[in-house]
Amino acid sequence: MNLRPLRKKKGIIFALDGAIAATVILIMLVNTTYYFTSTSRESLSQTQVIKRGYDVISMFDESGQLDDALRNENFADINVYDFLPSGYNMSIDFHDGARNVCSGGDCALSSSNLKTSINTLSLVSGGNLHVQVNAKITNAPSRTPSLGIGLGGTQYSMTSICASKGINDVDCTYTTTVPVPFTTGVSLLNVIADGTNNFQVNWLKVLDDPAYTISTRTEAEIPDDQFIGSGERWYAGFDDDSREYFEGMHKARFRIWLQ
């Protein structure tokens, strides 16, 4: 019996199988390379957009717009559209941007009126947090003017950064030297004077709680399925428009998404 035709047919079959396998592998390699390259291009594009976000924050910082927005609580003038590529949107979150304003006669502290009470915002996280108070000293200061914070029968000392603009015009921002323990929700705080100096209390805020973060956009305006990335930057705050008197450092966070 002649086996050569049978062996020849088997050889052709094996050759066809090998060619088909090589073709399948080649197709898989082409597809893998294509998707890998596409993903890399998309990642690079997103990185460039996030970098643009840092540039926008830097420009707003250098021009003083972040400081102006925080000090005057006017966030409507922060316009990002002139700096972003077409088809993108961006929000800026001002950490510790909100404040509890003190108003009325009780905000004037002296030897005859040692304290005033101010409600916090409804705290989201609570925990051990620092409190900040802004006040003006309206008499020629005696010694080092000091304020304290009272919560639940405990008084907490504060340190200050002051800008002297005249004998009877010293603006100070006081911050507790140790964290104050808070629960979530609203807390009633007492701002307590030293009994020697006269203060006009302007505002109070609890630092690092999300309740005091102000955003240029609401959460509902930021779509989850089109979000690209975020970043943050610390910037300097000043006591007035002249930017002569340093007040403290603040944090701004940006988020970018596709429109």
Protein backbone atom coordinates (compact mmCIF):
# COMPACT_ATOMS: atom_id res chain seq x y z
CA MET A 1 0.00 0.00 0.00
CA ASN A 2 1.34 3.44 -0.98
CA LEU A 3 1.29 5.79 2.07
CA ARG A 4 2.84 8.81 0.38
CA PRO A 5 -0.47 10.55 -0.64
CA LEU A 6 -1.80 10.17 2.93
CA ARG A 7 1.37 11.62 4.44
CA LYS A 8 1.24 14.45 1.92
CA LYS A 9 -2.35 15.31 2.92
CA LYS A 10 -1.41 15.27 6.62
CA GLY A 11 1.48 17.62 5.91
CA ILE A 12 -0.81 20.06 4.13
CA ILE A 13 -3.27 19.98 7.05
CA PHE A 14 -0.51 20.66 9.58
CA ALA A 15 0.77 23.50 7.43
CA LEU A 16 -2.72 25.04 7.20
CA ASP A 17 -3.15 24.72 10.99
CA GLY A 18 0.15 26.49 11.53
CA ALA A 19 -0.75 29.28 9.12
CA ILE A 20 -4.12 29.79 10.81
CA ALA A 21 -2.52 29.85 14.28
CA ALA A 22 0.09 32.36 13.10
CA THR A 23 -2.65 34.54 11.59
CA VAL A 24 -4.67 34.48 14.84
CA ILE A 25 -1.58 35.39 16.89
CA LEU A 26 -0.75 38.22 14.48
CA ILE A 27 -4.30 39.60 14.73
CA MET A 28 -4.12 39.46 18.54
CA LEU A 29 -0.78 41.28 18.54
CA VAL A 30 -2.14 43.99 16.22
CA ASN A 31 -5.23 44.50 18.40
CA THR A 32 -3.19 44.56 21.62
CA THR A 33 -0.77 47.11 20.18
CA TYR A 34 -3.64 49.28 18.94
CA TYR A 35 -5.50 49.34 22.28
CA PHE A 36 -2.30 49.86 24.28
CA THR A 37 -1.34 52.81 22.06
CA SER A 38 -4.85 54.28 22.29
CA THR A 39 -4.87 53.98 26.09
CA SER A 40 -1.44 55.59 26.32
CA ARG A 41 -2.58 58.51 24.15
CA GLU A 42 -5.69 58.98 26.31
CA SER A 43 -3.66 58.86 29.54
CA LEU A 44 -1.17 61.42 28.17
CA SER A 45 -4.04 63.68 27.10
CA GLN A 46 -5.62 63.52 30.58
CA THR A 47 -2.28 64.24 32.22
CA GLN A 48 -1.88 67.35 30.10
CA VAL A 49 -5.36 68.55 31.05
CA ILE A 50 -4.67 68.03 34.78
CA LYS A 51 -1.40 69.92 34.37
CA ARG A 52 -3.42 72.74 32.84
CA GLY A 53 -5.55 72.71 35.99
CA TYR A 54 -2.44 73.31 38.12
CA ASP A 55 -1.48 76.16 35.78
CA VAL A 56 -4.92 77.76 36.17
CA ILE A 57 -4.69 77.60 39.98
CA SER A 58 -1.18 79.10 39.82
CA MET A 59 -2.37 82.00 37.65
CA PHE A 60 -5.26 82.74 40.00
CA ASP A 61 -2.84 82.63 42.94
CA GLU A 62 -0.27 84.93 41.33
CA SER A 63 -2.95 87.44 40.36
CA GLY A 64 -4.39 87.43 43.90
CA GLN A 65 -7.80 86.15 42.81
CA LEU A 66 -7.79 83.17 45.17
CA ASP A 67 -7.00 85.44 48.11
CA ASP A 68 -9.63 87.99 47.02
CA ALA A 69 -12.30 85.32 46.64
CA LEU A 70 -11.62 83.86 50.08
CA ARG A 71 -11.36 87.17 51.93
CA ASN A 72 -14.43 88.76 50.31
CA GLU A 73 -16.41 85.51 49.94
CA ASN A 74 -16.94 86.33 46.28
CA PHE A 75 -16.33 83.20 44.22
CA ALA A 76 -18.39 84.20 41.17
CA ASP A 77 -15.44 86.08 39.62
CA ILE A 78 -13.32 82.90 39.40
CA ASN A 79 -13.72 82.09 35.69
CA VAL A 80 -11.80 79.06 34.40
CA TYR A 81 -13.17 78.93 30.84
CA ASP A 82 -10.55 81.27 29.40
CA PHE A 83 -7.74 78.89 30.39
CA LEU A 84 -9.14 75.41 29.67
CA PRO A 85 -9.22 73.52 26.34
CA SER A 86 -12.57 73.42 24.60
CA GLY A 87 -14.87 70.71 25.91
CA TYR A 88 -13.57 70.71 29.51
CA ASN A 89 -14.92 72.17 32.74
CA MET A 90 -13.36 72.77 36.14
CA SER A 91 -14.38 73.57 39.71
CA ILE A 92 -12.30 75.05 42.53
CA ASP A 93 -12.92 74.09 46.17
CA PHE A 94 -11.85 76.64 48.78
CA HIS A 95 -11.07 74.71 51.95
CA ASP A 96 -12.07 76.63 55.11
CA GLY A 97 -13.75 79.17 52.83
CA ALA A 98 -16.98 79.57 54.81
CA ARG A 99 -17.21 81.49 58.08
CA ASN A 100 -19.67 82.27 60.86
CA VAL A 101 -20.02 86.04 60.91
CA CYS A 102 -20.43 87.74 64.28
CA SER A 103 -22.94 90.59 64.25
CA GLY A 104 -24.56 92.80 66.84
CA GLY A 105 -23.44 94.48 70.03
CA ASP A 106 -22.30 91.24 71.68
CA CYS A 107 -19.38 91.07 69.22
CA ALA A 108 -17.66 93.99 70.99
CA LEU A 109 -15.64 92.44 73.84
CA SER A 110 -14.18 94.38 76.76
CA SER A 111 -13.73 94.15 80.53
CA SER A 112 -17.49 94.56 80.90
CA ASN A 113 -18.38 92.03 78.18
CA LEU A 114 -15.88 89.19 78.24
CA LYS A 115 -17.45 86.74 75.81
CA THR A 116 -19.73 86.27 72.84
CA SER A 117 -21.35 83.04 71.66
CA ILE A 118 -21.33 81.90 68.02
CA ASN A 119 -22.82 78.76 66.47
CA THR A 120 -20.64 76.74 64.11
CA LEU A 121 -21.93 75.37 60.83
CA SER A 122 -23.31 71.84 60.97
CA LEU A 123 -20.06 69.87 61.03
CA VAL A 124 -19.84 66.91 58.66
CA SER A 125 -16.86 65.02 60.10
CA GLY A 126 -16.28 66.44 63.57
CA GLY A 127 -13.33 65.13 65.57
CA ASN A 128 -10.32 67.05 66.87
CA LEU A 129 -10.24 70.30 64.90
CA HIS A 130 -8.72 73.75 65.26
CA VAL A 131 -10.84 76.91 65.55
CA GLN A 132 -9.95 80.24 63.96
CA VAL A 133 -11.28 83.67 64.96
CA ASN A 134 -10.76 87.02 63.25
CA ALA A 135 -11.02 90.12 65.45
CA LYS A 136 -10.01 93.78 65.47
CA ILE A 137 -8.39 95.32 68.57
CA THR A 138 -9.99 98.73 69.01
CA ASN A 139 -7.84 100.16 71.80
CA ALA A 140 -4.12 100.73 72.23
CA PRO A 141 -3.13 97.11 73.00
CA SER A 142 -2.09 96.27 76.53
CA ARG A 143 0.49 93.48 76.73
CA THR A 144 -0.23 90.76 74.16
CA PRO A 145 -3.96 90.81 73.39
CA SER A 146 -5.34 87.28 73.71
CA LEU A 147 -8.56 85.45 72.97
CA GLY A 148 -9.76 82.01 74.01
CA ILE A 149 -12.37 79.53 72.81
CA GLY A 150 -14.83 77.92 75.21
CA LEU A 151 -16.65 74.67 74.45
CA GLY A 152 -18.51 72.52 76.96
CA GLY A 153 -16.98 74.18 80.02
CA THR A 154 -13.38 73.91 78.71
CA GLN A 155 -11.39 76.91 77.52
CA TYR A 156 -8.73 76.60 74.82
CA SER A 157 -5.92 79.10 74.33
CA MET A 158 -5.14 80.67 70.97
CA THR A 159 -2.15 82.03 69.11
CA SER A 160 -2.38 84.98 66.74
CA ILE A 161 -1.09 86.66 63.61
CA CYS A 162 -1.70 90.43 63.80
CA ALA A 163 -1.42 93.35 61.39
CA SER A 164 -1.01 96.75 63.07
CA LYS A 165 -2.56 99.53 61.00
CA GLY A 166 -2.74 102.15 63.72
CA ILE A 167 -2.86 102.61 67.49
CA ASN A 168 -6.51 101.63 67.67
CA ASP A 169 -6.61 99.42 64.58
CA VAL A 170 -4.93 96.03 64.91
CA ASP A 171 -6.40 93.15 62.92
CA CYS A 172 -5.67 89.67 64.27
CA THR A 173 -6.46 86.12 63.23
CA TYR A 174 -6.41 83.75 66.22
CA THR A 175 -6.05 79.95 66.01
CA THR A 176 -6.38 77.44 68.85
CA THR A 177 -3.03 76.05 69.96
CA VAL A 178 -4.47 72.54 70.39
CA PRO A 179 -7.35 70.79 68.59
CA VAL A 180 -10.84 71.15 70.01
CA PRO A 181 -12.98 67.96 70.22
CA PHE A 182 -16.18 68.32 68.17
CA THR A 183 -19.14 66.10 67.49
CA THR A 184 -20.95 66.29 64.18
CA GLY A 185 -23.67 68.92 63.81
CA VAL A 186 -23.84 72.43 65.25
CA SER A 187 -21.77 73.44 68.30
CA LEU A 188 -22.04 76.65 70.34
CA LEU A 189 -18.62 78.24 70.88
CA ASN A 190 -17.73 81.08 73.23
CA VAL A 191 -15.11 83.61 72.15
CA ILE A 192 -13.55 84.87 75.40
CA ALA A 193 -11.56 88.10 75.79
CA ASP A 194 -8.58 88.65 78.09
CA GLY A 195 -10.41 91.32 80.13
CA THR A 196 -7.81 93.99 79.35
CA ASN A 197 -8.19 94.78 75.66
CA ASN A 198 -11.18 95.74 73.54
CA PHE A 199 -12.02 93.44 70.60
CA GLN A 200 -14.47 93.58 67.74
CA VAL A 201 -15.03 89.95 66.75
CA ASN A 202 -15.60 89.60 63.00
CA TRP A 203 -15.93 85.88 62.25
CA LEU A 204 -15.23 82.34 63.38
CA LYS A 205 -14.58 79.09 61.50
CA VAL A 206 -13.73 75.46 62.28
CA LEU A 207 -10.77 74.37 60.18
CA ASP A 208 -10.59 71.20 58.07
CA ASP A 209 -14.23 70.19 58.25
CA PRO A 210 -16.01 69.76 54.87
CA ALA A 211 -18.88 71.96 56.11
CA TYR A 212 -16.60 75.00 55.66
CA THR A 213 -15.51 74.14 52.11
CA ILE A 214 -16.96 76.40 49.41
CA SER A 215 -16.94 75.29 45.76
CA THR A 216 -17.44 77.23 42.54
CA ARG A 217 -19.65 74.31 41.39
CA THR A 218 -22.14 72.07 43.14
CA GLU A 219 -21.62 68.31 43.29
CA ALA A 220 -24.64 67.84 41.02
CA GLU A 221 -22.81 69.73 38.25
CA ILE A 222 -19.84 67.30 38.21
CA PRO A 223 -20.71 64.09 36.30
CA ASP A 224 -19.07 60.96 37.71
CA ASP A 225 -18.77 59.25 34.32
CA GLN A 226 -16.88 62.19 32.76
CA PHE A 227 -14.51 63.01 35.61
CA ILE A 228 -10.83 63.24 34.61
CA GLY A 229 -8.83 64.18 37.71
CA SER A 230 -8.02 66.64 40.45
CA GLY A 231 -5.18 68.40 42.25
CA GLU A 232 -4.58 70.97 44.98
CA ARG A 233 -2.36 73.91 45.85
CA TRP A 234 -1.64 75.96 48.98
CA TYR A 235 -1.78 79.74 48.58
CA ALA A 236 -1.16 82.77 50.79
CA GLY A 237 -4.00 84.76 52.34
CA PHE A 238 -3.71 88.41 53.30
CA ASP A 239 -5.50 90.75 55.65
CA ASP A 240 -6.59 93.33 53.07
CA ASP A 241 -6.42 94.25 49.38
CA SER A 242 -2.96 95.78 49.72
CA ARG A 243 -1.58 92.27 50.46
CA GLU A 244 0.80 93.86 52.92
CA TYR A 245 -0.33 91.91 55.98
CA PHE A 246 0.00 88.12 55.78
CA GLU A 247 -2.94 86.25 57.31
CA GLY A 248 -2.21 82.55 56.70
CA MET A 249 -1.97 79.68 54.21
CA HIS A 250 -5.05 78.16 52.62
CA LYS A 251 -5.74 75.20 50.33
CA ALA A 252 -7.52 75.22 46.98
CA ARG A 253 -8.49 71.98 45.23
CA PHE A 254 -9.53 71.73 41.59
CA ARG A 255 -11.53 69.06 39.75
CA ILE A 256 -11.69 68.70 35.94
CA TRP A 257 -14.22 66.83 33.82
CA LEU A 258 -15.53 66.57 30.26
CA GLN A 259 -18.51 68.74 29.42
